[in-house]
Amino acid sequence: MSDPDAQLAWTAMPYRAPVTDRDGNRIGTAESLLGDEREDIFHGIAVKRSDGKLVEVTAPHVQHITSREVRTDLSRQEVAELPLYKDERWFHIGWGGLFRKRPEWKP
């Protein structure tokens, strides 16, 4: 049996995994990965907050990825101040079928 709290690679993050703040409060669900799979560079995740807004959590704030959840180091106030995520480019990689990449990120 695998440990549900074992650290996973960013590319193995479960689609729509619960995302929590530093106190363990649920802040939303992981909707899309942000990064470059070919170069194995993780930039963050697009999170659908409980208020329905899609926001970006950058990689430095993602502390732990497991099969059950994504833990961040964000406070409740920081979660409320996250910038809205703007759709830019989508790529198919198999994780929920979607992968986002900023146009200015060079391949």
PDB file of N, CA and C in Angstrom:
ATOM      1  N   MET A   1       0.836  -1.194   0.000  1.00  0.00           N
ATOM      2  CA  MET A   1       0.000   0.000   0.000  1.00  0.00           C
ATOM      3  C   MET A   1       0.875   1.249   0.000  1.00  0.00           C
ATOM      4  N   SER A   2       0.496   2.231  -0.776  1.00  0.00           N
ATOM      5  CA  SER A   2       1.290   3.450  -0.826  1.00  0.00           C
ATOM      6  C   SER A   2       0.843   4.430   0.256  1.00  0.00           C
ATOM      7  N   ASP A   3       1.781   5.254   0.680  1.00  0.00           N
ATOM      8  CA  ASP A   3       1.533   6.246   1.716  1.00  0.00           C
ATOM      9  C   ASP A   3       0.839   7.460   1.101  1.00  0.00           C
ATOM     10  N   PRO A   4      -0.397   7.798   1.517  1.00  0.00           N
ATOM     11  CA  PRO A   4      -1.115   8.926   0.924  1.00  0.00           C
ATOM     12  C   PRO A   4      -0.475  10.280   1.240  1.00  0.00           C
ATOM     13  N   ASP A   5       0.458  10.317   2.199  1.00  0.00           N
ATOM     14  CA  ASP A   5       1.145  11.559   2.544  1.00  0.00           C
ATOM     15  C   ASP A   5       2.532  11.653   1.934  1.00  0.00           C
ATOM     16  N   ALA A   6       2.897  10.673   1.108  1.00  0.00           N
ATOM     17  CA  ALA A   6       4.203  10.693   0.456  1.00  0.00           C
ATOM     18  C   ALA A   6       4.256  11.824  -0.572  1.00  0.00           C
ATOM     19  N   GLN A   7       5.397  12.487  -0.643  1.00  0.00           N
ATOM     20  CA  GLN A   7       5.616  13.576  -1.600  1.00  0.00           C
ATOM     21  C   GLN A   7       5.543  13.044  -3.027  1.00  0.00           C
ATOM     22  N   LEU A   8       4.838  13.779  -3.897  1.00  0.00           N
ATOM     23  CA  LEU A   8       4.734  13.431  -5.314  1.00  0.00           C
ATOM     24  C   LEU A   8       5.451  14.481  -6.156  1.00  0.00           C
ATOM     25  N   ALA A   9       5.861  14.097  -7.336  1.00  0.00           N
ATOM     26  CA  ALA A   9       6.398  15.051  -8.298  1.00  0.00           C
ATOM     27  C   ALA A   9       5.270  15.963  -8.759  1.00  0.00           C
ATOM     28  N   TRP A  10       5.617  17.165  -9.196  1.00  0.00           N
ATOM     29  CA  TRP A  10       4.573  18.111  -9.618  1.00  0.00           C
ATOM     30  C   TRP A  10       3.752  17.569 -10.772  1.00  0.00           C
ATOM     31  N   THR A  11       4.372  16.779 -11.643  1.00  0.00           N
ATOM     32  CA  THR A  11       3.647  16.224 -12.788  1.00  0.00           C
ATOM     33  C   THR A  11       2.671  15.120 -12.383  1.00  0.00           C
ATOM     34  N   ALA A  12       2.798  14.624 -11.149  1.00  0.00           N
ATOM     35  CA  ALA A  12       1.905  13.573 -10.649  1.00  0.00           C
ATOM     36  C   ALA A  12       0.796  14.136  -9.763  1.00  0.00           C
ATOM     37  N   MET A  13       0.709  15.452  -9.667  1.00  0.00           N
ATOM     38  CA  MET A  13      -0.307  16.078  -8.824  1.00  0.00           C
ATOM     39  C   MET A  13      -1.697  15.658  -9.292  1.00  0.00           C
ATOM     40  N   PRO A  14      -2.540  15.185  -8.376  1.00  0.00           N
ATOM     41  CA  PRO A  14      -3.893  14.778  -8.775  1.00  0.00           C
ATOM     42  C   PRO A  14      -4.718  15.964  -9.276  1.00  0.00           C
ATOM     43  N   TYR A  15      -5.457  15.725 -10.330  1.00  0.00           N
ATOM     44  CA  TYR A  15      -6.361  16.737 -10.881  1.00  0.00           C
ATOM     45  C   TYR A  15      -7.429  17.075  -9.855  1.00  0.00           C
ATOM     46  N   ARG A  16      -7.643  18.349  -9.672  1.00  0.00           N
ATOM     47  CA  ARG A  16      -8.621  18.882  -8.720  1.00  0.00           C
ATOM     48  C   ARG A  16      -8.356  18.448  -7.282  1.00  0.00           C
ATOM     49  N   ALA A  17      -7.098  18.289  -6.964  1.00  0.00           N
ATOM     50  CA  ALA A  17      -6.719  17.978  -5.575  1.00  0.00           C
ATOM     51  C   ALA A  17      -7.070  19.176  -4.699  1.00  0.00           C
ATOM     52  N   PRO A  18      -7.485  18.925  -3.461  1.00  0.00           N
ATOM     53  CA  PRO A  18      -7.716  20.035  -2.539  1.00  0.00           C
ATOM     54  C   PRO A  18      -6.405  20.778  -2.291  1.00  0.00           C
ATOM     55  N   VAL A  19      -6.491  22.094  -2.204  1.00  0.00           N
ATOM     56  CA  VAL A  19      -5.328  22.941  -1.913  1.00  0.00           C
ATOM     57  C   VAL A  19      -5.597  23.612  -0.571  1.00  0.00           C
ATOM     58  N   THR A  20      -4.589  23.570   0.312  1.00  0.00           N
ATOM     59  CA  THR A  20      -4.762  24.120   1.658  1.00  0.00           C
ATOM     60  C   THR A  20      -3.777  25.250   1.931  1.00  0.00           C
ATOM     61  N   ASP A  21      -4.154  26.122   2.876  1.00  0.00           N
ATOM     62  CA  ASP A  21      -3.247  27.180   3.304  1.00  0.00           C
ATOM     63  C   ASP A  21      -2.304  26.617   4.375  1.00  0.00           C
ATOM     64  N   ARG A  22      -1.469  27.466   4.944  1.00  0.00           N
ATOM     65  CA  ARG A  22      -0.465  26.975   5.902  1.00  0.00           C
ATOM     66  C   ARG A  22      -1.066  26.445   7.198  1.00  0.00           C
ATOM     67  N   ASP A  23      -2.321  26.817   7.475  1.00  0.00           N
ATOM     68  CA  ASP A  23      -2.986  26.328   8.680  1.00  0.00           C
ATOM     69  C   ASP A  23      -3.837  25.087   8.419  1.00  0.00           C
ATOM     70  N   GLY A  24      -3.805  24.582   7.185  1.00  0.00           N
ATOM     71  CA  GLY A  24      -4.564  23.387   6.838  1.00  0.00           C
ATOM     72  C   GLY A  24      -5.983  23.647   6.384  1.00  0.00           C
ATOM     73  N   ASN A  25      -6.365  24.915   6.250  1.00  0.00           N
ATOM     74  CA  ASN A  25      -7.705  25.263   5.777  1.00  0.00           C
ATOM     75  C   ASN A  25      -7.765  25.121   4.262  1.00  0.00           C
ATOM     76  N   ARG A  26      -8.817  24.504   3.778  1.00  0.00           N
ATOM     77  CA  ARG A  26      -8.975  24.326   2.338  1.00  0.00           C
ATOM     78  C   ARG A  26      -9.223  25.669   1.672  1.00  0.00           C
ATOM     79  N   ILE A  27      -8.441  25.959   0.616  1.00  0.00           N
ATOM     80  CA  ILE A  27      -8.611  27.220  -0.090  1.00  0.00           C
ATOM     81  C   ILE A  27      -9.205  27.030  -1.475  1.00  0.00           C
ATOM     82  N   GLY A  28      -9.221  25.794  -1.962  1.00  0.00           N
ATOM     83  CA  GLY A  28      -9.780  25.536  -3.282  1.00  0.00           C
ATOM     84  C   GLY A  28      -9.267  24.231  -3.845  1.00  0.00           C
ATOM     85  N   THR A  29      -9.333  24.111  -5.192  1.00  0.00           N
ATOM     86  CA  THR A  29      -8.882  22.898  -5.866  1.00  0.00           C
ATOM     87  C   THR A  29      -7.880  23.250  -6.962  1.00  0.00           C
ATOM     88  N   ALA A  30      -6.929  22.348  -7.169  1.00  0.00           N
ATOM     89  CA  ALA A  30      -5.926  22.509  -8.223  1.00  0.00           C
ATOM     90  C   ALA A  30      -6.603  22.238  -9.562  1.00  0.00           C
ATOM     91  N   GLU A  31      -6.640  23.247 -10.417  1.00  0.00           N
ATOM     92  CA  GLU A  31      -7.326  23.122 -11.697  1.00  0.00           C
ATOM     93  C   GLU A  31      -6.369  22.908 -12.864  1.00  0.00           C
ATOM     94  N   SER A  32      -5.167  23.465 -12.791  1.00  0.00           N
ATOM     95  CA  SER A  32      -4.199  23.317 -13.877  1.00  0.00           C
ATOM     96  C   SER A  32      -2.781  23.448 -13.345  1.00  0.00           C
ATOM     97  N   LEU A  33      -1.880  22.730 -13.988  1.00  0.00           N
ATOM     98  CA  LEU A  33      -0.455  22.843 -13.692  1.00  0.00           C
ATOM     99  C   LEU A  33       0.131  23.980 -14.505  1.00  0.00           C
ATOM    100  N   LEU A  34       1.080  24.692 -13.922  1.00  0.00           N
ATOM    101  CA  LEU A  34       1.771  25.769 -14.620  1.00  0.00           C
ATOM    102  C   LEU A  34       3.243  25.394 -14.679  1.00  0.00           C
ATOM    103  N   GLY A  35       3.755  25.180 -15.855  1.00  0.00           N
ATOM    104  CA  GLY A  35       5.153  24.815 -15.969  1.00  0.00           C
ATOM    105  C   GLY A  35       5.506  24.331 -17.351  1.00  0.00           C
ATOM    106  N   ASP A  36       6.680  23.764 -17.445  1.00  0.00           N
ATOM    107  CA  ASP A  36       7.203  23.250 -18.701  1.00  0.00           C
ATOM    108  C   ASP A  36       7.595  21.796 -18.472  1.00  0.00           C
ATOM    109  N   GLU A  37       6.747  20.885 -18.912  1.00  0.00           N
ATOM    110  CA  GLU A  37       6.982  19.466 -18.672  1.00  0.00           C
ATOM    111  C   GLU A  37       8.262  18.988 -19.349  1.00  0.00           C
ATOM    112  N   ARG A  38       8.515  19.468 -20.543  1.00  0.00           N
ATOM    113  CA  ARG A  38       9.702  19.043 -21.291  1.00  0.00           C
ATOM    114  C   ARG A  38      10.992  19.399 -20.543  1.00  0.00           C
ATOM    115  N   GLU A  39      11.028  20.588 -19.947  1.00  0.00           N
ATOM    116  CA  GLU A  39      12.204  21.040 -19.210  1.00  0.00           C
ATOM    117  C   GLU A  39      12.123  20.695 -17.718  1.00  0.00           C
ATOM    118  N   ASP A  40      11.011  20.104 -17.286  1.00  0.00           N
ATOM    119  CA  ASP A  40      10.757  19.766 -15.885  1.00  0.00           C
ATOM    120  C   ASP A  40      10.905  20.985 -14.974  1.00  0.00           C
ATOM    121  N   ILE A  41      10.234  22.061 -15.386  1.00  0.00           N
ATOM    122  CA  ILE A  41      10.243  23.295 -14.601  1.00  0.00           C
ATOM    123  C   ILE A  41       8.825  23.558 -14.119  1.00  0.00           C
ATOM    124  N   PHE A  42       8.644  23.579 -12.817  1.00  0.00           N
ATOM    125  CA  PHE A  42       7.349  23.798 -12.190  1.00  0.00           C
ATOM    126  C   PHE A  42       7.227  25.272 -11.820  1.00  0.00           C
ATOM    127  N   HIS A  43       6.188  25.936 -12.342  1.00  0.00           N
ATOM    128  CA  HIS A  43       5.969  27.351 -12.073  1.00  0.00           C
ATOM    129  C   HIS A  43       4.864  27.585 -11.047  1.00  0.00           C
ATOM    130  N   GLY A  44       3.983  26.607 -10.848  1.00  0.00           N
ATOM    131  CA  GLY A  44       2.904  26.763  -9.890  1.00  0.00           C
ATOM    132  C   GLY A  44       1.641  26.062 -10.352  1.00  0.00           C
ATOM    133  N   ILE A  45       0.523  26.466  -9.754  1.00  0.00           N
ATOM    134  CA  ILE A  45      -0.764  25.870 -10.097  1.00  0.00           C
ATOM    135  C   ILE A  45      -1.840  26.946 -10.182  1.00  0.00           C
ATOM    136  N   ALA A  46      -2.817  26.685 -11.014  1.00  0.00           N
ATOM    137  CA  ALA A  46      -4.022  27.505 -11.044  1.00  0.00           C
ATOM    138  C   ALA A  46      -4.998  26.853 -10.073  1.00  0.00           C
ATOM    139  N   VAL A  47      -5.489  27.641  -9.135  1.00  0.00           N
ATOM    140  CA  VAL A  47      -6.373  27.140  -8.080  1.00  0.00           C
ATOM    141  C   VAL A  47      -7.730  27.807  -8.184  1.00  0.00           C
ATOM    142  N   LYS A  48      -8.766  26.983  -8.172  1.00  0.00           N
ATOM    143  CA  LYS A  48     -10.130  27.517  -8.125  1.00  0.00           C
ATOM    144  C   LYS A  48     -10.487  27.644  -6.654  1.00  0.00           C
ATOM    145  N   ARG A  49     -10.552  28.890  -6.186  1.00  0.00           N
ATOM    146  CA  ARG A  49     -10.885  29.133  -4.785  1.00  0.00           C
ATOM    147  C   ARG A  49     -12.340  28.802  -4.511  1.00  0.00           C
ATOM    148  N   SER A  50     -12.677  28.721  -3.239  1.00  0.00           N
ATOM    149  CA  SER A  50     -14.052  28.408  -2.850  1.00  0.00           C
ATOM    150  C   SER A  50     -15.035  29.487  -3.305  1.00  0.00           C
ATOM    151  N   ASP A  51     -14.537  30.699  -3.604  1.00  0.00           N
ATOM    152  CA  ASP A  51     -15.411  31.763  -4.108  1.00  0.00           C
ATOM    153  C   ASP A  51     -15.602  31.674  -5.629  1.00  0.00           C
ATOM    154  N   GLY A  52     -15.004  30.617  -6.248  1.00  0.00           N
ATOM    155  CA  GLY A  52     -15.160  30.393  -7.677  1.00  0.00           C
ATOM    156  C   GLY A  52     -14.126  31.086  -8.538  1.00  0.00           C
ATOM    157  N   LYS A  53     -13.280  31.927  -7.967  1.00  0.00           N
ATOM    158  CA  LYS A  53     -12.263  32.633  -8.736  1.00  0.00           C
ATOM    159  C   LYS A  53     -11.044  31.745  -8.966  1.00  0.00           C
ATOM    160  N   LEU A  54     -10.491  31.828 -10.170  1.00  0.00           N
ATOM    161  CA  LEU A  54      -9.296  31.077 -10.527  1.00  0.00           C
ATOM    162  C   LEU A  54      -8.086  31.976 -10.280  1.00  0.00           C
ATOM    163  N   VAL A  55      -7.195  31.532  -9.397  1.00  0.00           N
ATOM    164  CA  VAL A  55      -6.022  32.316  -9.017  1.00  0.00           C
ATOM    165  C   VAL A  55      -4.759  31.492  -9.220  1.00  0.00           C
ATOM    166  N   GLU A  56      -3.624  32.169  -9.228  1.00  0.00           N
ATOM    167  CA  GLU A  56      -2.348  31.497  -9.410  1.00  0.00           C
ATOM    168  C   GLU A  56      -1.591  31.414  -8.089  1.00  0.00           C
ATOM    169  N   VAL A  57      -1.102  30.205  -7.791  1.00  0.00           N
ATOM    170  CA  VAL A  57      -0.208  29.986  -6.661  1.00  0.00           C
ATOM    171  C   VAL A  57       1.134  29.617  -7.266  1.00  0.00           C
ATOM    172  N   THR A  58       2.136  30.460  -7.047  1.00  0.00           N
ATOM    173  CA  THR A  58       3.445  30.216  -7.636  1.00  0.00           C
ATOM    174  C   THR A  58       4.176  29.087  -6.911  1.00  0.00           C
ATOM    175  N   ALA A  59       5.087  28.457  -7.622  1.00  0.00           N
ATOM    176  CA  ALA A  59       5.815  27.286  -7.110  1.00  0.00           C
ATOM    177  C   ALA A  59       6.453  27.494  -5.736  1.00  0.00           C
ATOM    178  N   PRO A  60       7.067  28.642  -5.448  1.00  0.00           N
ATOM    179  CA  PRO A  60       7.678  28.793  -4.123  1.00  0.00           C
ATOM    180  C   PRO A  60       6.686  28.661  -2.959  1.00  0.00           C
ATOM    181  N   HIS A  61       5.398  28.863  -3.241  1.00  0.00           N
ATOM    182  CA  HIS A  61       4.380  28.739  -2.182  1.00  0.00           C
ATOM    183  C   HIS A  61       3.791  27.336  -2.074  1.00  0.00           C
ATOM    184  N   VAL A  62       4.111  26.465  -3.016  1.00  0.00           N
ATOM    185  CA  VAL A  62       3.645  25.078  -2.960  1.00  0.00           C
ATOM    186  C   VAL A  62       4.667  24.298  -2.135  1.00  0.00           C
ATOM    187  N   GLN A  63       4.261  23.868  -0.959  1.00  0.00           N
ATOM    188  CA  GLN A  63       5.182  23.228  -0.029  1.00  0.00           C
ATOM    189  C   GLN A  63       5.218  21.712  -0.122  1.00  0.00           C
ATOM    190  N   HIS A  64       4.072  21.096  -0.403  1.00  0.00           N
ATOM    191  CA  HIS A  64       4.004  19.629  -0.370  1.00  0.00           C
ATOM    192  C   HIS A  64       2.864  19.162  -1.275  1.00  0.00           C
ATOM    193  N   ILE A  65       3.158  18.222  -2.151  1.00  0.00           N
ATOM    194  CA  ILE A  65       2.154  17.647  -3.035  1.00  0.00           C
ATOM    195  C   ILE A  65       2.023  16.174  -2.700  1.00  0.00           C
ATOM    196  N   THR A  66       0.809  15.741  -2.366  1.00  0.00           N
ATOM    197  CA  THR A  66       0.554  14.332  -2.060  1.00  0.00           C
ATOM    198  C   THR A  66      -0.606  13.848  -2.920  1.00  0.00           C
ATOM    199  N   SER A  67      -0.950  12.589  -2.772  1.00  0.00           N
ATOM    200  CA  SER A  67      -2.098  12.055  -3.508  1.00  0.00           C
ATOM    201  C   SER A  67      -3.418  12.565  -2.950  1.00  0.00           C
ATOM    202  N   ARG A  68      -3.376  13.192  -1.760  1.00  0.00           N
ATOM    203  CA  ARG A  68      -4.585  13.703  -1.116  1.00  0.00           C
ATOM    204  C   ARG A  68      -4.782  15.205  -1.210  1.00  0.00           C
ATOM    205  N   GLU A  69      -3.651  15.957  -1.245  1.00  0.00           N
ATOM    206  CA  GLU A  69      -3.771  17.412  -1.198  1.00  0.00           C
ATOM    207  C   GLU A  69      -2.494  18.098  -1.664  1.00  0.00           C
ATOM    208  N   VAL A  70      -2.643  19.410  -1.859  1.00  0.00           N
ATOM    209  CA  VAL A  70      -1.511  20.284  -2.141  1.00  0.00           C
ATOM    210  C   VAL A  70      -1.470  21.290  -0.999  1.00  0.00           C
ATOM    211  N   ARG A  71      -0.350  21.302  -0.284  1.00  0.00           N
ATOM    212  CA  ARG A  71      -0.206  22.221   0.851  1.00  0.00           C
ATOM    213  C   ARG A  71       0.620  23.429   0.442  1.00  0.00           C
ATOM    214  N   THR A  72       0.160  24.608   0.838  1.00  0.00           N
ATOM    215  CA  THR A  72       0.895  25.837   0.563  1.00  0.00           C
ATOM    216  C   THR A  72       1.364  26.469   1.867  1.00  0.00           C
ATOM    217  N   ASP A  73       2.219  27.493   1.744  1.00  0.00           N
ATOM    218  CA  ASP A  73       2.665  28.227   2.928  1.00  0.00           C
ATOM    219  C   ASP A  73       1.936  29.562   3.051  1.00  0.00           C
ATOM    220  N   LEU A  74       0.832  29.707   2.334  1.00  0.00           N
ATOM    221  CA  LEU A  74       0.095  30.963   2.301  1.00  0.00           C
ATOM    222  C   LEU A  74      -0.801  31.145   3.526  1.00  0.00           C
ATOM    223  N   SER A  75      -0.856  32.376   4.022  1.00  0.00           N
ATOM    224  CA  SER A  75      -1.783  32.704   5.100  1.00  0.00           C
ATOM    225  C   SER A  75      -3.163  32.948   4.494  1.00  0.00           C
ATOM    226  N   ARG A  76      -4.165  33.032   5.329  1.00  0.00           N
ATOM    227  CA  ARG A  76      -5.526  33.315   4.858  1.00  0.00           C
ATOM    228  C   ARG A  76      -5.569  34.650   4.105  1.00  0.00           C
ATOM    229  N   GLN A  77      -4.862  35.648   4.628  1.00  0.00           N
ATOM    230  CA  GLN A  77      -4.813  36.968   3.983  1.00  0.00           C
ATOM    231  C   GLN A  77      -4.120  36.885   2.622  1.00  0.00           C
ATOM    232  N   GLU A  78      -3.016  36.147   2.524  1.00  0.00           N
ATOM    233  CA  GLU A  78      -2.308  36.001   1.251  1.00  0.00           C
ATOM    234  C   GLU A  78      -3.168  35.291   0.216  1.00  0.00           C
ATOM    235  N   VAL A  79      -3.959  34.321   0.660  1.00  0.00           N
ATOM    236  CA  VAL A  79      -4.867  33.614  -0.250  1.00  0.00           C
ATOM    237  C   VAL A  79      -5.890  34.603  -0.817  1.00  0.00           C
ATOM    238  N   ALA A  80      -6.413  35.475   0.029  1.00  0.00           N
ATOM    239  CA  ALA A  80      -7.407  36.455  -0.406  1.00  0.00           C
ATOM    240  C   ALA A  80      -6.816  37.452  -1.400  1.00  0.00           C
ATOM    241  N   GLU A  81      -5.507  37.665  -1.358  1.00  0.00           N
ATOM    242  CA  GLU A  81      -4.845  38.653  -2.217  1.00  0.00           C
ATOM    243  C   GLU A  81      -4.208  38.053  -3.473  1.00  0.00           C
ATOM    244  N   LEU A  82      -4.362  36.738  -3.695  1.00  0.00           N
ATOM    245  CA  LEU A  82      -3.761  36.127  -4.876  1.00  0.00           C
ATOM    246  C   LEU A  82      -4.320  36.749  -6.149  1.00  0.00           C
ATOM    247  N   PRO A  83      -3.449  36.960  -7.146  1.00  0.00           N
ATOM    248  CA  PRO A  83      -3.934  37.537  -8.402  1.00  0.00           C
ATOM    249  C   PRO A  83      -4.775  36.533  -9.181  1.00  0.00           C
ATOM    250  N   LEU A  84      -5.748  37.050  -9.912  1.00  0.00           N
ATOM    251  CA  LEU A  84      -6.546  36.195 -10.776  1.00  0.00           C
ATOM    252  C   LEU A  84      -5.652  35.621 -11.860  1.00  0.00           C
ATOM    253  N   TYR A  85      -5.912  34.374 -12.213  1.00  0.00           N
ATOM    254  CA  TYR A  85      -5.148  33.745 -13.284  1.00  0.00           C
ATOM    255  C   TYR A  85      -5.842  34.026 -14.605  1.00  0.00           C
ATOM    256  N   LYS A  86      -5.069  34.421 -15.600  1.00  0.00           N
ATOM    257  CA  LYS A  86      -5.618  34.706 -16.922  1.00  0.00           C
ATOM    258  C   LYS A  86      -5.239  33.576 -17.864  1.00  0.00           C
ATOM    259  N   ASP A  87      -6.243  33.051 -18.558  1.00  0.00           N
ATOM    260  CA  ASP A  87      -5.976  32.005 -19.546  1.00  0.00           C
ATOM    261  C   ASP A  87      -5.018  32.541 -20.596  1.00  0.00           C
ATOM    262  N   GLU A  88      -4.026  31.756 -20.903  1.00  0.00           N
ATOM    263  CA  GLU A  88      -3.071  32.179 -21.918  1.00  0.00           C
ATOM    264  C   GLU A  88      -2.931  31.109 -22.990  1.00  0.00           C
ATOM    265  N   ARG A  89      -2.231  30.030 -22.690  1.00  0.00           N
ATOM    266  CA  ARG A  89      -2.078  28.961 -23.671  1.00  0.00           C
ATOM    267  C   ARG A  89      -2.311  27.635 -22.970  1.00  0.00           C
ATOM    268  N   TRP A  90      -2.902  26.718 -23.695  1.00  0.00           N
ATOM    269  CA  TRP A  90      -3.184  25.396 -23.148  1.00  0.00           C
ATOM    270  C   TRP A  90      -2.438  24.344 -23.950  1.00  0.00           C
ATOM    271  N   PHE A  91      -1.922  23.349 -23.263  1.00  0.00           N
ATOM    272  CA  PHE A  91      -1.258  22.223 -23.905  1.00  0.00           C
ATOM    273  C   PHE A  91      -1.790  20.936 -23.295  1.00  0.00           C
ATOM    274  N   HIS A  92      -1.937  19.922 -24.102  1.00  0.00           N
ATOM    275  CA  HIS A  92      -2.419  18.635 -23.602  1.00  0.00           C
ATOM    276  C   HIS A  92      -1.250  17.831 -23.055  1.00  0.00           C
ATOM    277  N   ILE A  93      -1.341  17.374 -21.794  1.00  0.00           N
ATOM    278  CA  ILE A  93      -0.312  16.482 -21.247  1.00  0.00           C
ATOM    279  C   ILE A  93      -0.918  15.283 -20.522  1.00  0.00           C
ATOM    280  N   GLY A  94      -2.214  15.215 -20.424  1.00  0.00           N
ATOM    281  CA  GLY A  94      -2.826  14.062 -19.796  1.00  0.00           C
ATOM    282  C   GLY A  94      -3.296  14.287 -18.375  1.00  0.00           C
ATOM    283  N   TRP A  95      -2.816  15.282 -17.669  1.00  0.00           N
ATOM    284  CA  TRP A  95      -3.255  15.568 -16.301  1.00  0.00           C
ATOM    285  C   TRP A  95      -4.517  16.390 -16.405  1.00  0.00           C
ATOM    286  N   GLY A  96      -5.637  15.756 -16.278  1.00  0.00           N
ATOM    287  CA  GLY A  96      -6.892  16.463 -16.441  1.00  0.00           C
ATOM    288  C   GLY A  96      -7.055  16.978 -17.861  1.00  0.00           C
ATOM    289  N   GLY A  97      -6.097  16.582 -18.723  1.00  0.00           N
ATOM    290  CA  GLY A  97      -6.153  16.988 -20.113  1.00  0.00           C
ATOM    291  C   GLY A  97      -5.599  18.369 -20.397  1.00  0.00           C
ATOM    292  N   LEU A  98      -5.205  19.117 -19.357  1.00  0.00           N
ATOM    293  CA  LEU A  98      -4.814  20.494 -19.598  1.00  0.00           C
ATOM    294  C   LEU A  98      -3.502  20.856 -18.930  1.00  0.00           C
ATOM    295  N   PHE A  99      -2.781  21.743 -19.582  1.00  0.00           N
ATOM    296  CA  PHE A  99      -1.509  22.228 -19.078  1.00  0.00           C
ATOM    297  C   PHE A  99      -1.374  23.661 -19.554  1.00  0.00           C
ATOM    298  N   ARG A 100      -1.083  24.558 -18.668  1.00  0.00           N
ATOM    299  CA  ARG A 100      -0.988  25.966 -19.045  1.00  0.00           C
ATOM    300  C   ARG A 100       0.467  26.380 -19.104  1.00  0.00           C
ATOM    301  N   LYS A 101       0.751  27.240 -20.063  1.00  0.00           N
ATOM    302  CA  LYS A 101       2.112  27.738 -20.229  1.00  0.00           C
ATOM    303  C   LYS A 101       2.032  29.180 -20.679  1.00  0.00           C
ATOM    304  N   ARG A 102       2.811  30.023 -20.053  1.00  0.00           N
ATOM    305  CA  ARG A 102       2.818  31.436 -20.429  1.00  0.00           C
ATOM    306  C   ARG A 102       3.518  31.619 -21.762  1.00  0.00           C
ATOM    307  N   PRO A 103       3.000  32.494 -22.626  1.00  0.00           N
ATOM    308  CA  PRO A 103       3.623  32.699 -23.942  1.00  0.00           C
ATOM    309  C   PRO A 103       5.070  33.180 -23.847  1.00  0.00           C
ATOM    310  N   GLU A 104       5.401  33.939 -22.783  1.00  0.00           N
ATOM    311  CA  GLU A 104       6.759  34.452 -22.687  1.00  0.00           C
ATOM    312  C   GLU A 104       7.762  33.384 -22.227  1.00  0.00           C
ATOM    313  N   TRP A 105       7.284  32.233 -21.767  1.00  0.00           N
ATOM    314  CA  TRP A 105       8.188  31.149 -21.402  1.00  0.00           C
ATOM    315  C   TRP A 105       8.639  30.473 -22.683  1.00  0.00           C
ATOM    316  N   LYS A 106       9.903  30.512 -22.937  1.00  0.00           N
ATOM    317  CA  LYS A 106      10.449  29.962 -24.179  1.00  0.00           C
ATOM    318  C   LYS A 106      10.641  28.458 -24.071  1.00  0.00           C
ATOM    319  N   PRO A 107      10.358  27.705 -25.165  1.00  0.00           N
ATOM    320  CA  PRO A 107      10.567  26.247 -25.132  1.00  0.00           C
ATOM    321  C   PRO A 107      12.057  25.906 -25.148  1.00  0.00           C
TER     322      PRO A 107
END
